[in-house]
């Protein structure tokens, strides 16, 4: 893989999310290790992501995310994901 593309990708993500490359790598590792069928693990993961991104996630939004993740209902298209995450209140 071309490292210039990697840097460019991470630069774009950082501009959009205010989360640096090191934090993204740590979050990716947390996701990889998490039991996504366990509500407690999923809640901890959501809170960690929110804290890292400095984003408030309402109780209602957390419930929606937990339900979608635990029930394997996370959409894989960007439009639907954008709707799910776009409304942070």
PDB file of N, CA and C in Angstrom:
ATOM      1  N   UNK A   1       0.841  -1.179   0.000  1.00  0.00           N
ATOM      2  CA  UNK A   1       0.000   0.000   0.000  1.00  0.00           C
ATOM      3  C   UNK A   1       0.885   1.241   0.000  1.00  0.00           C
ATOM      4  N   UNK A   2       0.505   2.250  -0.713  1.00  0.00           N
ATOM      5  CA  UNK A   2       1.264   3.494  -0.829  1.00  0.00           C
ATOM      6  C   UNK A   2       1.092   4.318   0.442  1.00  0.00           C
ATOM      7  N   UNK A   3       2.209   4.606   1.124  1.00  0.00           N
ATOM      8  CA  UNK A   3       2.138   5.331   2.394  1.00  0.00           C
ATOM      9  C   UNK A   3       1.644   6.762   2.214  1.00  0.00           C
ATOM     10  N   UNK A   4       1.887   7.343   1.032  1.00  0.00           N
ATOM     11  CA  UNK A   4       1.359   8.696   0.789  1.00  0.00           C
ATOM     12  C   UNK A   4      -0.156   8.664   0.806  1.00  0.00           C
ATOM     13  N   UNK A   5      -0.737   7.605   0.272  1.00  0.00           N
ATOM     14  CA  UNK A   5      -2.188   7.475   0.300  1.00  0.00           C
ATOM     15  C   UNK A   5      -2.669   7.274   1.725  1.00  0.00           C
ATOM     16  N   UNK A   6      -1.931   6.480   2.522  1.00  0.00           N
ATOM     17  CA  UNK A   6      -2.299   6.281   3.917  1.00  0.00           C
ATOM     18  C   UNK A   6      -2.343   7.611   4.641  1.00  0.00           C
ATOM     19  N   UNK A   7      -1.281   8.404   4.485  1.00  0.00           N
ATOM     20  CA  UNK A   7      -1.216   9.708   5.138  1.00  0.00           C
ATOM     21  C   UNK A   7      -2.349  10.605   4.696  1.00  0.00           C
ATOM     22  N   UNK A   8      -2.616  10.596   3.427  1.00  0.00           N
ATOM     23  CA  UNK A   8      -3.704  11.398   2.886  1.00  0.00           C
ATOM     24  C   UNK A   8      -5.043  10.958   3.471  1.00  0.00           C
ATOM     25  N   UNK A   9      -5.243   9.659   3.559  1.00  0.00           N
ATOM     26  CA  UNK A   9      -6.477   9.131   4.145  1.00  0.00           C
ATOM     27  C   UNK A   9      -6.626   9.598   5.588  1.00  0.00           C
ATOM     28  N   UNK A  10      -5.566   9.416   6.374  1.00  0.00           N
ATOM     29  CA  UNK A  10      -5.626   9.803   7.779  1.00  0.00           C
ATOM     30  C   UNK A  10      -5.775  11.314   7.940  1.00  0.00           C
ATOM     31  N   UNK A  11      -5.140  12.072   7.049  1.00  0.00           N
ATOM     32  CA  UNK A  11      -5.305  13.527   7.087  1.00  0.00           C
ATOM     33  C   UNK A  11      -6.762  13.912   6.854  1.00  0.00           C
ATOM     34  N   UNK A  12      -7.390  13.247   5.878  1.00  0.00           N
ATOM     35  CA  UNK A  12      -8.798  13.532   5.572  1.00  0.00           C
ATOM     36  C   UNK A  12      -9.696  13.172   6.760  1.00  0.00           C
ATOM     37  N   UNK A  13      -9.455  12.015   7.347  1.00  0.00           N
ATOM     38  CA  UNK A  13     -10.252  11.590   8.498  1.00  0.00           C
ATOM     39  C   UNK A  13     -10.054  12.565   9.644  1.00  0.00           C
ATOM     40  N   UNK A  14      -8.820  12.981   9.887  1.00  0.00           N
ATOM     41  CA  UNK A  14      -8.553  13.906  10.985  1.00  0.00           C
ATOM     42  C   UNK A  14      -9.240  15.251  10.753  1.00  0.00           C
ATOM     43  N   UNK A  15      -9.239  15.720   9.518  1.00  0.00           N
ATOM     44  CA  UNK A  15      -9.917  16.990   9.210  1.00  0.00           C
ATOM     45  C   UNK A  15     -11.418  16.894   9.479  1.00  0.00           C
ATOM     46  N   UNK A  16     -12.000  15.752   9.152  1.00  0.00           N
ATOM     47  CA  UNK A  16     -13.440  15.587   9.288  1.00  0.00           C
ATOM     48  C   UNK A  16     -13.874  15.232  10.707  1.00  0.00           C
ATOM     49  N   UNK A  17     -13.008  14.560  11.463  1.00  0.00           N
ATOM     50  CA  UNK A  17     -13.420  14.049  12.775  1.00  0.00           C
ATOM     51  C   UNK A  17     -12.646  14.635  13.939  1.00  0.00           C
ATOM     52  N   UNK A  18     -11.527  15.290  13.641  1.00  0.00           N
ATOM     53  CA  UNK A  18     -10.652  15.825  14.679  1.00  0.00           C
ATOM     54  C   UNK A  18     -10.037  14.701  15.526  1.00  0.00           C
ATOM     55  N   UNK A  19      -9.886  13.517  14.927  1.00  0.00           N
ATOM     56  CA  UNK A  19      -9.276  12.361  15.583  1.00  0.00           C
ATOM     57  C   UNK A  19      -8.009  12.013  14.811  1.00  0.00           C
ATOM     58  N   UNK A  20      -6.890  11.970  15.506  1.00  0.00           N
ATOM     59  CA  UNK A  20      -5.606  11.709  14.874  1.00  0.00           C
ATOM     60  C   UNK A  20      -5.391  10.252  14.524  1.00  0.00           C
ATOM     61  N   UNK A  21      -4.334  10.009  13.754  1.00  0.00           N
ATOM     62  CA  UNK A  21      -4.020   8.668  13.275  1.00  0.00           C
ATOM     63  C   UNK A  21      -3.791   7.698  14.429  1.00  0.00           C
ATOM     64  N   UNK A  22      -3.054   8.103  15.444  1.00  0.00           N
ATOM     65  CA  UNK A  22      -2.778   7.211  16.572  1.00  0.00           C
ATOM     66  C   UNK A  22      -4.076   6.831  17.283  1.00  0.00           C
ATOM     67  N   UNK A  23      -4.963   7.810  17.492  1.00  0.00           N
ATOM     68  CA  UNK A  23      -6.251   7.524  18.127  1.00  0.00           C
ATOM     69  C   UNK A  23      -7.098   6.589  17.270  1.00  0.00           C
ATOM     70  N   UNK A  24      -7.065   6.799  15.950  1.00  0.00           N
ATOM     71  CA  UNK A  24      -7.817   5.919  15.051  1.00  0.00           C
ATOM     72  C   UNK A  24      -7.310   4.487  15.140  1.00  0.00           C
ATOM     73  N   UNK A  25      -5.999   4.335  15.204  1.00  0.00           N
ATOM     74  CA  UNK A  25      -5.432   2.993  15.297  1.00  0.00           C
ATOM     75  C   UNK A  25      -5.836   2.331  16.621  1.00  0.00           C
ATOM     76  N   UNK A  26      -5.843   3.105  17.704  1.00  0.00           N
ATOM     77  CA  UNK A  26      -6.254   2.560  18.999  1.00  0.00           C
ATOM     78  C   UNK A  26      -7.732   2.168  18.976  1.00  0.00           C
ATOM     79  N   UNK A  27      -8.565   3.018  18.364  1.00  0.00           N
ATOM     80  CA  UNK A  27      -9.988   2.692  18.266  1.00  0.00           C
ATOM     81  C   UNK A  27     -10.211   1.447  17.419  1.00  0.00           C
ATOM     82  N   UNK A  28      -9.468   1.332  16.333  1.00  0.00           N
ATOM     83  CA  UNK A  28      -9.589   0.139  15.481  1.00  0.00           C
ATOM     84  C   UNK A  28      -9.241  -1.119  16.271  1.00  0.00           C
ATOM     85  N   UNK A  29      -8.217  -1.022  17.106  1.00  0.00           N
ATOM     86  CA  UNK A  29      -7.832  -2.174  17.923  1.00  0.00           C
ATOM     87  C   UNK A  29      -8.933  -2.505  18.932  1.00  0.00           C
ATOM     88  N   UNK A  30      -9.541  -1.478  19.538  1.00  0.00           N
ATOM     89  CA  UNK A  30     -10.642  -1.713  20.482  1.00  0.00           C
ATOM     90  C   UNK A  30     -11.815  -2.403  19.795  1.00  0.00           C
ATOM     91  N   UNK A  31     -12.141  -1.947  18.594  1.00  0.00           N
ATOM     92  CA  UNK A  31     -13.255  -2.544  17.849  1.00  0.00           C
ATOM     93  C   UNK A  31     -12.942  -3.999  17.521  1.00  0.00           C
ATOM     94  N   UNK A  32     -11.722  -4.244  17.103  1.00  0.00           N
ATOM     95  CA  UNK A  32     -11.312  -5.598  16.742  1.00  0.00           C
ATOM     96  C   UNK A  32     -11.418  -6.557  17.930  1.00  0.00           C
ATOM     97  N   UNK A  33     -11.123  -6.069  19.121  1.00  0.00           N
ATOM     98  CA  UNK A  33     -11.114  -6.909  20.314  1.00  0.00           C
ATOM     99  C   UNK A  33     -12.471  -6.983  21.012  1.00  0.00           C
ATOM    100  N   UNK A  34     -13.373  -6.098  20.672  1.00  0.00           N
ATOM    101  CA  UNK A  34     -14.654  -6.005  21.378  1.00  0.00           C
ATOM    102  C   UNK A  34     -15.590  -7.151  21.007  1.00  0.00           C
ATOM    103  N   UNK A  35     -16.386  -7.576  21.989  1.00  0.00           N
ATOM    104  CA  UNK A  35     -17.455  -8.544  21.749  1.00  0.00           C
ATOM    105  C   UNK A  35     -18.684  -7.735  21.341  1.00  0.00           C
ATOM    106  N   UNK A  36     -18.949  -7.676  20.051  1.00  0.00           N
ATOM    107  CA  UNK A  36     -20.015  -6.829  19.536  1.00  0.00           C
ATOM    108  C   UNK A  36     -21.408  -7.435  19.713  1.00  0.00           C
ATOM    109  N   UNK A  37     -21.474  -8.559  20.408  1.00  0.00           N
ATOM    110  CA  UNK A  37     -22.776  -9.149  20.752  1.00  0.00           C
ATOM    111  C   UNK A  37     -23.120  -8.876  22.219  1.00  0.00           C
ATOM    112  N   UNK A  38     -22.187  -8.278  22.945  1.00  0.00           N
ATOM    113  CA  UNK A  38     -22.371  -7.989  24.361  1.00  0.00           C
ATOM    114  C   UNK A  38     -22.684  -6.501  24.543  1.00  0.00           C
ATOM    115  N   UNK A  39     -23.874  -6.192  25.083  1.00  0.00           N
ATOM    116  CA  UNK A  39     -24.305  -4.803  25.226  1.00  0.00           C
ATOM    117  C   UNK A  39     -23.334  -3.964  26.041  1.00  0.00           C
ATOM    118  N   UNK A  40     -22.811  -4.513  27.115  1.00  0.00           N
ATOM    119  CA  UNK A  40     -21.895  -3.760  27.972  1.00  0.00           C
ATOM    120  C   UNK A  40     -20.630  -3.390  27.201  1.00  0.00           C
ATOM    121  N   UNK A  41     -20.090  -4.327  26.459  1.00  0.00           N
ATOM    122  CA  UNK A  41     -18.891  -4.061  25.656  1.00  0.00           C
ATOM    123  C   UNK A  41     -19.168  -3.011  24.591  1.00  0.00           C
ATOM    124  N   UNK A  42     -20.316  -3.121  23.959  1.00  0.00           N
ATOM    125  CA  UNK A  42     -20.681  -2.176  22.904  1.00  0.00           C
ATOM    126  C   UNK A  42     -20.860  -0.770  23.491  1.00  0.00           C
ATOM    127  N   UNK A  43     -21.510  -0.671  24.640  1.00  0.00           N
ATOM    128  CA  UNK A  43     -21.676   0.642  25.293  1.00  0.00           C
ATOM    129  C   UNK A  43     -20.321   1.260  25.627  1.00  0.00           C
ATOM    130  N   UNK A  44     -19.413   0.454  26.162  1.00  0.00           N
ATOM    131  CA  UNK A  44     -18.078   0.958  26.484  1.00  0.00           C
ATOM    132  C   UNK A  44     -17.371   1.443  25.225  1.00  0.00           C
ATOM    133  N   UNK A  45     -17.508   0.703  24.162  1.00  0.00           N
ATOM    134  CA  UNK A  45     -16.886   1.077  22.899  1.00  0.00           C
ATOM    135  C   UNK A  45     -17.467   2.388  22.367  1.00  0.00           C
ATOM    136  N   UNK A  46     -18.777   2.519  22.391  1.00  0.00           N
ATOM    137  CA  UNK A  46     -19.433   3.749  21.928  1.00  0.00           C
ATOM    138  C   UNK A  46     -18.951   4.947  22.744  1.00  0.00           C
ATOM    139  N   UNK A  47     -18.884   4.774  24.054  1.00  0.00           N
ATOM    140  CA  UNK A  47     -18.441   5.872  24.919  1.00  0.00           C
ATOM    141  C   UNK A  47     -16.987   6.233  24.666  1.00  0.00           C
ATOM    142  N   UNK A  48     -16.158   5.226  24.413  1.00  0.00           N
ATOM    143  CA  UNK A  48     -14.741   5.489  24.117  1.00  0.00           C
ATOM    144  C   UNK A  48     -14.591   6.237  22.795  1.00  0.00           C
ATOM    145  N   UNK A  49     -15.330   5.825  21.790  1.00  0.00           N
ATOM    146  CA  UNK A  49     -15.284   6.506  20.494  1.00  0.00           C
ATOM    147  C   UNK A  49     -15.764   7.947  20.649  1.00  0.00           C
ATOM    148  N   UNK A  50     -16.857   8.135  21.351  1.00  0.00           N
ATOM    149  CA  UNK A  50     -17.391   9.482  21.558  1.00  0.00           C
ATOM    150  C   UNK A  50     -16.393  10.365  22.301  1.00  0.00           C
ATOM    151  N   UNK A  51     -15.773   9.815  23.326  1.00  0.00           N
ATOM    152  CA  UNK A  51     -14.799  10.578  24.097  1.00  0.00           C
ATOM    153  C   UNK A  51     -13.595  10.953  23.228  1.00  0.00           C
ATOM    154  N   UNK A  52     -13.104  10.009  22.462  1.00  0.00           N
ATOM    155  CA  UNK A  52     -11.953  10.258  21.596  1.00  0.00           C
ATOM    156  C   UNK A  52     -12.270  11.325  20.557  1.00  0.00           C
ATOM    157  N   UNK A  53     -13.477  11.280  20.011  1.00  0.00           N
ATOM    158  CA  UNK A  53     -13.893  12.235  18.985  1.00  0.00           C
ATOM    159  C   UNK A  53     -14.438  13.527  19.583  1.00  0.00           C
ATOM    160  N   UNK A  54     -14.518  13.583  20.916  1.00  0.00           N
ATOM    161  CA  UNK A  54     -15.051  14.753  21.610  1.00  0.00           C
ATOM    162  C   UNK A  54     -16.467  15.083  21.122  1.00  0.00           C
ATOM    163  N   UNK A  55     -17.298  14.046  21.103  1.00  0.00           N
ATOM    164  CA  UNK A  55     -18.677  14.166  20.628  1.00  0.00           C
ATOM    165  C   UNK A  55     -19.616  13.691  21.727  1.00  0.00           C
ATOM    166  N   UNK A  56     -20.688  14.431  21.946  1.00  0.00           N
ATOM    167  CA  UNK A  56     -21.712  14.020  22.892  1.00  0.00           C
ATOM    168  C   UNK A  56     -22.656  13.039  22.201  1.00  0.00           C
ATOM    169  N   UNK A  57     -22.923  11.915  22.854  1.00  0.00           N
ATOM    170  CA  UNK A  57     -23.878  10.941  22.331  1.00  0.00           C
ATOM    171  C   UNK A  57     -25.003  10.836  23.352  1.00  0.00           C
ATOM    172  N   UNK A  58     -26.201  11.195  22.912  1.00  0.00           N
ATOM    173  CA  UNK A  58     -27.339  11.155  23.818  1.00  0.00           C
ATOM    174  C   UNK A  58     -27.654   9.720  24.205  1.00  0.00           C
ATOM    175  N   UNK A  59     -28.382   9.565  25.285  1.00  0.00           N
ATOM    176  CA  UNK A  59     -28.797   8.235  25.753  1.00  0.00           C
ATOM    177  C   UNK A  59     -29.608   7.534  24.659  1.00  0.00           C
ATOM    178  N   UNK A  60     -30.482   8.291  24.004  1.00  0.00           N
ATOM    179  CA  UNK A  60     -31.315   7.729  22.938  1.00  0.00           C
ATOM    180  C   UNK A  60     -30.449   7.246  21.764  1.00  0.00           C
ATOM    181  N   UNK A  61     -29.475   8.056  21.366  1.00  0.00           N
ATOM    182  CA  UNK A  61     -28.596   7.684  20.262  1.00  0.00           C
ATOM    183  C   UNK A  61     -27.757   6.456  20.648  1.00  0.00           C
ATOM    184  N   UNK A  62     -27.286   6.430  21.910  1.00  0.00           N
ATOM    185  CA  UNK A  62     -26.520   5.278  22.382  1.00  0.00           C
ATOM    186  C   UNK A  62     -27.369   4.013  22.293  1.00  0.00           C
ATOM    187  N   UNK A  63     -28.625   4.097  22.716  1.00  0.00           N
ATOM    188  CA  UNK A  63     -29.529   2.945  22.642  1.00  0.00           C
ATOM    189  C   UNK A  63     -29.693   2.467  21.207  1.00  0.00           C
ATOM    190  N   UNK A  64     -29.872   3.409  20.272  1.00  0.00           N
ATOM    191  CA  UNK A  64     -30.020   3.048  18.862  1.00  0.00           C
ATOM    192  C   UNK A  64     -28.768   2.346  18.345  1.00  0.00           C
ATOM    193  N   UNK A  65     -27.610   2.895  18.689  1.00  0.00           N
ATOM    194  CA  UNK A  65     -26.346   2.311  18.238  1.00  0.00           C
ATOM    195  C   UNK A  65     -26.133   0.920  18.820  1.00  0.00           C
ATOM    196  N   UNK A  66     -26.391   0.774  20.126  1.00  0.00           N
ATOM    197  CA  UNK A  66     -26.218  -0.530  20.780  1.00  0.00           C
ATOM    198  C   UNK A  66     -27.124  -1.566  20.119  1.00  0.00           C
ATOM    199  N   UNK A  67     -28.373  -1.215  19.939  1.00  0.00           N
ATOM    200  CA  UNK A  67     -29.327  -2.150  19.329  1.00  0.00           C
ATOM    201  C   UNK A  67     -28.868  -2.555  17.936  1.00  0.00           C
ATOM    202  N   UNK A  68     -28.465  -1.585  17.132  1.00  0.00           N
ATOM    203  CA  UNK A  68     -28.044  -1.872  15.762  1.00  0.00           C
ATOM    204  C   UNK A  68     -26.804  -2.760  15.734  1.00  0.00           C
ATOM    205  N   UNK A  69     -25.836  -2.469  16.593  1.00  0.00           N
ATOM    206  CA  UNK A  69     -24.590  -3.237  16.594  1.00  0.00           C
ATOM    207  C   UNK A  69     -24.808  -4.648  17.123  1.00  0.00           C
ATOM    208  N   UNK A  70     -25.475  -4.772  18.263  1.00  0.00           N
ATOM    209  CA  UNK A  70     -25.688  -6.085  18.890  1.00  0.00           C
ATOM    210  C   UNK A  70     -26.533  -6.990  17.989  1.00  0.00           C
ATOM    211  N   UNK A  71     -27.495  -6.406  17.299  1.00  0.00           N
ATOM    212  CA  UNK A  71     -28.380  -7.194  16.435  1.00  0.00           C
ATOM    213  C   UNK A  71     -27.848  -7.314  15.007  1.00  0.00           C
ATOM    214  N   UNK A  72     -26.606  -6.877  14.796  1.00  0.00           N
ATOM    215  CA  UNK A  72     -25.955  -6.980  13.489  1.00  0.00           C
ATOM    216  C   UNK A  72     -26.768  -6.279  12.409  1.00  0.00           C
ATOM    217  N   UNK A  73     -27.275  -5.096  12.747  1.00  0.00           N
ATOM    218  CA  UNK A  73     -28.105  -4.322  11.829  1.00  0.00           C
ATOM    219  C   UNK A  73     -27.411  -3.038  11.390  1.00  0.00           C
ATOM    220  N   UNK A  74     -26.097  -3.016  11.460  1.00  0.00           N
ATOM    221  CA  UNK A  74     -25.360  -1.821  11.062  1.00  0.00           C
ATOM    222  C   UNK A  74     -25.309  -1.786   9.540  1.00  0.00           C
ATOM    223  N   UNK A  75     -25.846  -0.725   8.946  1.00  0.00           N
ATOM    224  CA  UNK A  75     -25.830  -0.630   7.486  1.00  0.00           C
ATOM    225  C   UNK A  75     -24.404  -0.437   6.976  1.00  0.00           C
ATOM    226  N   UNK A  76     -24.126  -0.919   5.798  1.00  0.00           N
ATOM    227  CA  UNK A  76     -22.780  -0.826   5.256  1.00  0.00           C
ATOM    228  C   UNK A  76     -22.652   0.246   4.178  1.00  0.00           C
ATOM    229  N   UNK A  77     -23.737   0.956   3.862  1.00  0.00           N
ATOM    230  CA  UNK A  77     -23.611   2.023   2.879  1.00  0.00           C
ATOM    231  C   UNK A  77     -23.444   3.362   3.600  1.00  0.00           C
ATOM    232  N   UNK A  78     -22.647   4.228   3.009  1.00  0.00           N
ATOM    233  CA  UNK A  78     -22.277   5.477   3.665  1.00  0.00           C
ATOM    234  C   UNK A  78     -23.458   6.418   3.880  1.00  0.00           C
ATOM    235  N   UNK A  79     -24.436   6.412   2.992  1.00  0.00           N
ATOM    236  CA  UNK A  79     -25.588   7.301   3.151  1.00  0.00           C
ATOM    237  C   UNK A  79     -26.356   6.965   4.426  1.00  0.00           C
ATOM    238  N   UNK A  80     -26.617   5.692   4.639  1.00  0.00           N
ATOM    239  CA  UNK A  80     -27.360   5.276   5.825  1.00  0.00           C
ATOM    240  C   UNK A  80     -26.524   5.477   7.080  1.00  0.00           C
ATOM    241  N   UNK A  81     -25.223   5.164   7.010  1.00  0.00           N
ATOM    242  CA  UNK A  81     -24.348   5.402   8.154  1.00  0.00           C
ATOM    243  C   UNK A  81     -24.310   6.886   8.501  1.00  0.00           C
ATOM    244  N   UNK A  82     -24.271   7.735   7.497  1.00  0.00           N
ATOM    245  CA  UNK A  82     -24.262   9.177   7.728  1.00  0.00           C
ATOM    246  C   UNK A  82     -25.519   9.640   8.449  1.00  0.00           C
ATOM    247  N   UNK A  83     -26.665   9.070   8.075  1.00  0.00           N
ATOM    248  CA  UNK A  83     -27.909   9.396   8.759  1.00  0.00           C
ATOM    249  C   UNK A  83     -27.886   8.930  10.198  1.00  0.00           C
ATOM    250  N   UNK A  84     -27.357   7.736  10.427  1.00  0.00           N
ATOM    251  CA  UNK A  84     -27.301   7.171  11.771  1.00  0.00           C
ATOM    252  C   UNK A  84     -26.414   8.008  12.691  1.00  0.00           C
ATOM    253  N   UNK A  85     -25.248   8.423  12.183  1.00  0.00           N
ATOM    254  CA  UNK A  85     -24.306   9.157  13.008  1.00  0.00           C
ATOM    255  C   UNK A  85     -24.441  10.663  12.887  1.00  0.00           C
ATOM    256  N   UNK A  86     -25.107  11.136  11.858  1.00  0.00           N
ATOM    257  CA  UNK A  86     -25.169  12.564  11.611  1.00  0.00           C
ATOM    258  C   UNK A  86     -25.955  13.352  12.634  1.00  0.00           C
ATOM    259  N   UNK A  87     -26.906  12.737  13.278  1.00  0.00           N
ATOM    260  CA  UNK A  87     -27.760  13.431  14.224  1.00  0.00           C
ATOM    261  C   UNK A  87     -27.288  13.079  15.637  1.00  0.00           C
ATOM    262  N   UNK A  88     -26.360  13.856  16.174  1.00  0.00           N
ATOM    263  CA  UNK A  88     -25.704  13.509  17.425  1.00  0.00           C
ATOM    264  C   UNK A  88     -26.467  13.889  18.675  1.00  0.00           C
ATOM    265  N   UNK A  89     -27.623  14.439  18.601  1.00  0.00           N
ATOM    266  CA  UNK A  89     -28.299  14.911  19.798  1.00  0.00           C
ATOM    267  C   UNK A  89     -29.225  14.007  20.413  1.00  0.00           C
TER     268      UNK A  89
END
